[in-house]
Amino acid sequence: MGVYTFVCRSSGGEWTAKQHKGELEASAATTYDLHRQLVAAASAADSSAGVQSSFTAVSPTSAICQVIIGAVGGGAMVGGPAAGGAPASGGAAAEAPKAEEKKEEEKEESEDDLGFSLFD
């Protein structure tokens, strides 16, 4: 997995980007085009599967772009059930239907509480 961080600046109507602690560079007329070029440059440097990127404006003339190559699902499940296995008692699976039943009950009550319908 490779993480590429770029410092982007606008000057004279053109956006330029240089990799923080690296050799990659790009320039474009718009931030959208610059973002696309940076993703392409990072993908060419590291051919692992899966690309995740973000482009964040810091000020009207500067931004940070980060491209992560080889990311799977954004890392949200790093310590979750996929990494540690399912619980032995199956507790999470048993609780899911109860939550769905509560939502259905709340939905039915909320429709009756209004006393009128949009289509009446």
N, C-alpha and C. Protein backbone atom coordinates (compact mmCIF):
# COMPACT_ATOMS: atom_id res chain seq x y z
N MET A 1 0.85 -1.17 0.00
CA MET A 1 0.00 0.00 0.00
C MET A 1 0.90 1.23 0.00
N GLY A 2 0.57 2.18 -0.86
CA GLY A 2 1.33 3.41 -0.94
C GLY A 2 0.45 4.61 -0.65
N VAL A 3 0.99 5.56 0.11
CA VAL A 3 0.28 6.80 0.42
C VAL A 3 1.06 7.95 -0.20
N TYR A 4 0.39 8.71 -1.04
CA TYR A 4 1.00 9.84 -1.75
C TYR A 4 0.29 11.11 -1.31
N THR A 5 1.04 12.05 -0.74
CA THR A 5 0.49 13.32 -0.28
C THR A 5 1.10 14.43 -1.13
N PHE A 6 0.23 15.30 -1.66
CA PHE A 6 0.65 16.38 -2.54
C PHE A 6 0.25 17.73 -1.94
N VAL A 7 1.15 18.70 -2.05
CA VAL A 7 0.86 20.08 -1.67
C VAL A 7 0.54 20.82 -2.95
N CYS A 8 -0.65 21.42 -3.01
CA CYS A 8 -1.13 22.07 -4.24
C CYS A 8 -1.23 23.57 -4.01
N ARG A 9 -0.83 24.34 -5.03
CA ARG A 9 -0.90 25.79 -4.95
C ARG A 9 -1.38 26.37 -6.27
N SER A 10 -2.10 27.47 -6.18
CA SER A 10 -2.58 28.16 -7.36
C SER A 10 -1.81 29.47 -7.52
N SER A 11 -1.35 29.71 -8.75
CA SER A 11 -0.63 30.95 -9.04
C SER A 11 -0.85 31.30 -10.50
N GLY A 12 -1.34 32.49 -10.75
CA GLY A 12 -1.54 32.93 -12.13
C GLY A 12 -2.58 32.12 -12.89
N GLY A 13 -3.58 31.60 -12.20
CA GLY A 13 -4.64 30.84 -12.86
C GLY A 13 -4.29 29.39 -13.14
N GLU A 14 -3.16 28.91 -12.64
CA GLU A 14 -2.78 27.51 -12.84
C GLU A 14 -2.49 26.87 -11.49
N TRP A 15 -2.95 25.64 -11.34
CA TRP A 15 -2.69 24.87 -10.13
C TRP A 15 -1.50 23.96 -10.36
N THR A 16 -0.58 23.94 -9.39
CA THR A 16 0.58 23.04 -9.45
C THR A 16 0.60 22.20 -8.17
N ALA A 17 1.16 21.02 -8.28
CA ALA A 17 1.24 20.12 -7.13
C ALA A 17 2.58 19.43 -7.10
N LYS A 18 3.15 19.33 -5.91
CA LYS A 18 4.40 18.61 -5.70
C LYS A 18 4.18 17.62 -4.57
N GLN A 19 4.70 16.43 -4.77
CA GLN A 19 4.57 15.39 -3.75
C GLN A 19 5.40 15.76 -2.54
N HIS A 20 4.79 15.62 -1.37
CA HIS A 20 5.50 15.83 -0.11
C HIS A 20 6.45 14.65 0.08
N LYS A 21 7.72 14.91 0.16
CA LYS A 21 8.75 13.87 0.31
C LYS A 21 8.73 12.89 -0.86
N GLY A 22 8.73 13.41 -2.07
CA GLY A 22 8.74 12.55 -3.24
C GLY A 22 9.05 13.33 -4.51
N GLU A 23 8.97 12.63 -5.63
CA GLU A 23 9.36 13.19 -6.92
C GLU A 23 8.18 13.56 -7.83
N LEU A 24 6.98 13.11 -7.54
CA LEU A 24 5.85 13.31 -8.44
C LEU A 24 5.39 14.76 -8.44
N GLU A 25 5.05 15.27 -9.65
CA GLU A 25 4.54 16.62 -9.81
C GLU A 25 3.47 16.63 -10.88
N ALA A 26 2.60 17.64 -10.85
CA ALA A 26 1.57 17.81 -11.88
C ALA A 26 1.10 19.25 -11.87
N SER A 27 0.48 19.67 -12.99
CA SER A 27 -0.13 20.99 -13.05
C SER A 27 -1.34 20.94 -13.97
N ALA A 28 -2.31 21.82 -13.68
CA ALA A 28 -3.54 21.86 -14.47
C ALA A 28 -4.23 23.20 -14.24
N ALA A 29 -5.21 23.49 -15.10
CA ALA A 29 -5.94 24.75 -15.02
C ALA A 29 -6.98 24.74 -13.90
N THR A 30 -7.53 23.56 -13.56
CA THR A 30 -8.57 23.48 -12.52
C THR A 30 -8.17 22.45 -11.46
N THR A 31 -8.79 22.57 -10.29
CA THR A 31 -8.50 21.60 -9.22
C THR A 31 -8.99 20.21 -9.59
N TYR A 32 -10.09 20.15 -10.32
CA TYR A 32 -10.62 18.85 -10.74
C TYR A 32 -9.61 18.12 -11.64
N ASP A 33 -9.09 18.84 -12.64
CA ASP A 33 -8.10 18.23 -13.54
C ASP A 33 -6.82 17.87 -12.79
N LEU A 34 -6.41 18.73 -11.86
CA LEU A 34 -5.21 18.45 -11.08
C LEU A 34 -5.40 17.19 -10.24
N HIS A 35 -6.55 17.06 -9.61
CA HIS A 35 -6.83 15.88 -8.80
C HIS A 35 -6.75 14.61 -9.65
N ARG A 36 -7.38 14.65 -10.83
CA ARG A 36 -7.34 13.49 -11.73
C ARG A 36 -5.91 13.15 -12.15
N GLN A 37 -5.11 14.15 -12.44
CA GLN A 37 -3.71 13.92 -12.85
C GLN A 37 -2.90 13.32 -11.70
N LEU A 38 -3.14 13.79 -10.49
CA LEU A 38 -2.40 13.26 -9.34
C LEU A 38 -2.76 11.80 -9.07
N VAL A 39 -4.03 11.45 -9.20
CA VAL A 39 -4.45 10.06 -9.03
C VAL A 39 -3.80 9.20 -10.10
N ALA A 40 -3.77 9.69 -11.34
CA ALA A 40 -3.16 8.93 -12.44
C ALA A 40 -1.66 8.76 -12.21
N ALA A 41 -0.99 9.82 -11.75
CA ALA A 41 0.46 9.74 -11.50
C ALA A 41 0.78 8.76 -10.38
N ALA A 42 0.01 8.80 -9.31
CA ALA A 42 0.24 7.88 -8.19
C ALA A 42 -0.07 6.45 -8.61
N SER A 43 -1.11 6.26 -9.41
CA SER A 43 -1.47 4.91 -9.88
C SER A 43 -0.38 4.35 -10.78
N ALA A 44 0.23 5.20 -11.59
CA ALA A 44 1.31 4.76 -12.47
C ALA A 44 2.56 4.38 -11.66
N ALA A 45 2.79 5.06 -10.54
CA ALA A 45 3.96 4.78 -9.72
C ALA A 45 3.78 3.52 -8.88
N ASP A 46 2.54 3.19 -8.53
CA ASP A 46 2.25 2.02 -7.69
C ASP A 46 1.04 1.33 -8.29
N SER A 47 1.25 0.16 -8.88
CA SER A 47 0.18 -0.51 -9.62
C SER A 47 -0.67 -1.46 -8.78
N SER A 48 -0.68 -1.31 -7.47
CA SER A 48 -1.54 -2.15 -6.61
C SER A 48 -3.00 -1.84 -6.90
N ALA A 49 -3.87 -2.78 -6.59
CA ALA A 49 -5.31 -2.60 -6.82
C ALA A 49 -5.90 -1.68 -5.76
N GLY A 50 -6.96 -0.99 -6.11
CA GLY A 50 -7.70 -0.15 -5.18
C GLY A 50 -7.07 1.22 -5.02
N VAL A 51 -7.84 2.25 -5.34
CA VAL A 51 -7.36 3.63 -5.22
C VAL A 51 -8.39 4.43 -4.43
N GLN A 52 -7.91 5.16 -3.45
CA GLN A 52 -8.76 6.05 -2.67
C GLN A 52 -8.07 7.40 -2.64
N SER A 53 -8.82 8.49 -2.88
CA SER A 53 -8.18 9.80 -2.90
C SER A 53 -9.06 10.86 -2.25
N SER A 54 -8.43 11.94 -1.82
CA SER A 54 -9.15 13.09 -1.29
C SER A 54 -8.43 14.36 -1.73
N PHE A 55 -9.20 15.42 -1.94
CA PHE A 55 -8.66 16.72 -2.31
C PHE A 55 -9.32 17.75 -1.41
N THR A 56 -8.53 18.38 -0.54
CA THR A 56 -9.07 19.29 0.45
C THR A 56 -8.47 20.67 0.29
N ALA A 57 -9.35 21.67 0.09
CA ALA A 57 -8.89 23.05 -0.02
C ALA A 57 -8.52 23.57 1.37
N VAL A 58 -7.36 24.20 1.46
CA VAL A 58 -6.90 24.79 2.71
C VAL A 58 -7.22 26.28 2.70
N SER A 59 -7.03 26.90 1.56
CA SER A 59 -7.35 28.31 1.34
C SER A 59 -7.72 28.44 -0.14
N PRO A 60 -8.12 29.62 -0.59
CA PRO A 60 -8.47 29.75 -2.00
C PRO A 60 -7.32 29.47 -2.97
N THR A 61 -6.09 29.52 -2.48
CA THR A 61 -4.95 29.30 -3.36
C THR A 61 -4.08 28.11 -2.98
N SER A 62 -4.53 27.29 -2.02
CA SER A 62 -3.75 26.12 -1.64
C SER A 62 -4.66 24.96 -1.25
N ALA A 63 -4.14 23.75 -1.42
CA ALA A 63 -4.91 22.55 -1.12
C ALA A 63 -3.96 21.40 -0.83
N ILE A 64 -4.52 20.33 -0.29
CA ILE A 64 -3.79 19.09 -0.03
C ILE A 64 -4.53 17.97 -0.76
N CYS A 65 -3.77 17.15 -1.46
CA CYS A 65 -4.36 15.99 -2.13
C CYS A 65 -3.64 14.75 -1.60
N GLN A 66 -4.43 13.74 -1.26
CA GLN A 66 -3.84 12.49 -0.78
C GLN A 66 -4.42 11.35 -1.60
N VAL A 67 -3.52 10.50 -2.10
CA VAL A 67 -3.92 9.33 -2.88
C VAL A 67 -3.37 8.11 -2.17
N ILE A 68 -4.26 7.15 -1.90
CA ILE A 68 -3.87 5.91 -1.23
C ILE A 68 -4.08 4.77 -2.22
N ILE A 69 -3.01 4.07 -2.53
CA ILE A 69 -3.05 2.96 -3.48
C ILE A 69 -3.03 1.66 -2.68
N GLY A 70 -3.93 0.74 -3.02
CA GLY A 70 -3.99 -0.55 -2.33
C GLY A 70 -4.94 -0.53 -1.16
N ALA A 71 -5.75 0.52 -1.03
CA ALA A 71 -6.72 0.61 0.07
C ALA A 71 -7.90 -0.29 -0.24
N VAL A 72 -8.40 -0.96 0.78
CA VAL A 72 -9.56 -1.83 0.61
C VAL A 72 -10.67 -1.30 1.49
N GLY A 73 -11.74 -0.77 0.91
CA GLY A 73 -12.90 -0.33 1.66
C GLY A 73 -12.66 0.85 2.59
N GLY A 74 -11.59 1.57 2.43
CA GLY A 74 -11.36 2.75 3.23
C GLY A 74 -10.84 2.47 4.63
N GLY A 75 -10.62 1.21 5.00
CA GLY A 75 -10.05 0.88 6.30
C GLY A 75 -11.05 0.96 7.44
N ALA A 76 -12.33 1.06 7.16
CA ALA A 76 -13.33 1.21 8.20
C ALA A 76 -13.47 -0.06 9.04
N MET A 77 -13.16 -1.21 8.51
CA MET A 77 -13.35 -2.46 9.23
C MET A 77 -12.03 -3.05 9.75
N VAL A 78 -11.06 -2.23 10.04
CA VAL A 78 -9.76 -2.73 10.45
C VAL A 78 -9.86 -3.59 11.70
N GLY A 79 -10.59 -3.18 12.70
CA GLY A 79 -10.69 -3.97 13.93
C GLY A 79 -12.06 -4.59 14.11
N GLY A 80 -12.86 -4.63 13.09
CA GLY A 80 -14.23 -5.11 13.19
C GLY A 80 -14.34 -6.61 13.10
N PRO A 81 -15.55 -7.11 12.91
CA PRO A 81 -15.80 -8.55 12.87
C PRO A 81 -15.02 -9.27 11.77
N ALA A 82 -14.73 -8.61 10.67
CA ALA A 82 -14.00 -9.27 9.60
C ALA A 82 -12.59 -9.64 10.06
N ALA A 83 -11.99 -8.80 10.90
CA ALA A 83 -10.64 -9.07 11.36
C ALA A 83 -10.61 -10.06 12.51
N GLY A 84 -11.58 -9.99 13.42
CA GLY A 84 -11.55 -10.83 14.61
C GLY A 84 -12.46 -12.04 14.55
N GLY A 85 -13.25 -12.17 13.54
CA GLY A 85 -14.18 -13.29 13.44
C GLY A 85 -15.51 -12.96 14.10
N ALA A 86 -16.52 -13.76 13.85
CA ALA A 86 -17.85 -13.55 14.41
C ALA A 86 -17.87 -13.95 15.87
N PRO A 87 -18.72 -13.33 16.69
CA PRO A 87 -18.82 -13.72 18.09
C PRO A 87 -19.34 -15.15 18.23
N ALA A 88 -18.87 -15.86 19.24
CA ALA A 88 -19.24 -17.27 19.41
C ALA A 88 -20.73 -17.44 19.67
N SER A 89 -21.35 -16.50 20.37
CA SER A 89 -22.76 -16.64 20.71
C SER A 89 -23.67 -16.16 19.60
N GLY A 90 -23.13 -15.50 18.61
CA GLY A 90 -23.96 -14.97 17.53
C GLY A 90 -24.81 -13.80 18.00
N GLY A 91 -24.36 -13.05 18.99
CA GLY A 91 -25.12 -11.96 19.58
C GLY A 91 -25.48 -10.87 18.59
N ALA A 92 -24.57 -10.49 17.73
CA ALA A 92 -24.84 -9.41 16.78
C ALA A 92 -25.91 -9.83 15.78
N ALA A 93 -25.90 -11.08 15.37
CA ALA A 93 -26.89 -11.55 14.40
C ALA A 93 -28.28 -11.62 15.04
N ALA A 94 -28.35 -11.92 16.31
CA ALA A 94 -29.64 -12.02 16.99
C ALA A 94 -30.25 -10.65 17.24
N GLU A 95 -29.43 -9.62 17.41
CA GLU A 95 -29.94 -8.29 17.70
C GLU A 95 -30.45 -7.58 16.46
N ALA A 96 -30.02 -7.92 15.29
CA ALA A 96 -30.40 -7.21 14.07
C ALA A 96 -31.90 -7.24 13.81
N PRO A 97 -32.61 -8.37 13.92
CA PRO A 97 -34.05 -8.36 13.66
C PRO A 97 -34.82 -7.48 14.65
N LYS A 98 -34.39 -7.41 15.91
CA LYS A 98 -35.07 -6.58 16.89
C LYS A 98 -35.01 -5.11 16.49
N ALA A 99 -33.87 -4.67 15.99
CA ALA A 99 -33.72 -3.28 15.57
C ALA A 99 -34.63 -2.96 14.40
N GLU A 100 -34.77 -3.91 13.47
CA GLU A 100 -35.64 -3.70 12.32
C GLU A 100 -37.09 -3.60 12.76
N GLU A 101 -37.51 -4.42 13.74
CA GLU A 101 -38.88 -4.38 14.24
C GLU A 101 -39.18 -3.03 14.87
N LYS A 102 -38.24 -2.49 15.65
CA LYS A 102 -38.44 -1.19 16.28
C LYS A 102 -38.63 -0.10 15.24
N LYS A 103 -37.84 -0.12 14.18
CA LYS A 103 -37.94 0.89 13.13
C LYS A 103 -39.30 0.85 12.46
N GLU A 104 -39.80 -0.36 12.21
CA GLU A 104 -41.12 -0.51 11.58
C GLU A 104 -42.20 0.05 12.49
N GLU A 105 -42.13 -0.23 13.79
CA GLU A 105 -43.13 0.27 14.74
C GLU A 105 -43.10 1.79 14.79
N GLU A 106 -41.91 2.38 14.85
CA GLU A 106 -41.78 3.83 14.91
C GLU A 106 -42.33 4.47 13.64
N LYS A 107 -42.10 3.86 12.51
CA LYS A 107 -42.58 4.40 11.25
C LYS A 107 -44.10 4.43 11.22
N GLU A 108 -44.75 3.35 11.66
CA GLU A 108 -46.20 3.28 11.69
C GLU A 108 -46.77 4.34 12.63
N GLU A 109 -46.18 4.52 13.79
CA GLU A 109 -46.65 5.50 14.75
C GLU A 109 -46.49 6.92 14.22
N SER A 110 -45.40 7.21 13.58
CA SER A 110 -45.14 8.57 13.11
C SER A 110 -46.13 8.97 12.02
N GLU A 111 -46.59 8.04 11.20
CA GLU A 111 -47.56 8.36 10.16
C GLU A 111 -48.91 8.68 10.78
N ASP A 112 -49.31 7.98 11.85
CA ASP A 112 -50.59 8.20 12.50
C ASP A 112 -50.61 9.48 13.33
N ASP A 113 -49.48 9.89 13.84
CA ASP A 113 -49.41 11.06 14.72
C ASP A 113 -49.75 12.35 13.99
N LEU A 114 -49.53 12.44 12.70
CA LEU A 114 -49.75 13.68 11.96
C LEU A 114 -51.24 14.01 11.83
N GLY A 115 -52.08 13.03 11.71
CA GLY A 115 -53.49 13.26 11.61
C GLY A 115 -53.95 13.69 10.21
N PHE A 116 -53.04 13.80 9.30
CA PHE A 116 -53.40 14.12 7.92
C PHE A 116 -52.40 13.49 6.98
N SER A 117 -52.77 13.41 5.73
CA SER A 117 -51.90 12.82 4.73
C SER A 117 -51.55 13.88 3.70
N LEU A 118 -50.46 13.75 3.09
CA LEU A 118 -50.04 14.68 2.05
C LEU A 118 -51.00 14.68 0.86
N PHE A 119 -51.62 13.54 0.61
CA PHE A 119 -52.43 13.39 -0.58
C PHE A 119 -53.93 13.56 -0.32
N ASP A 120 -54.32 14.02 0.87
CA ASP A 120 -55.75 14.25 1.17
C ASP A 120 -56.21 15.57 0.62
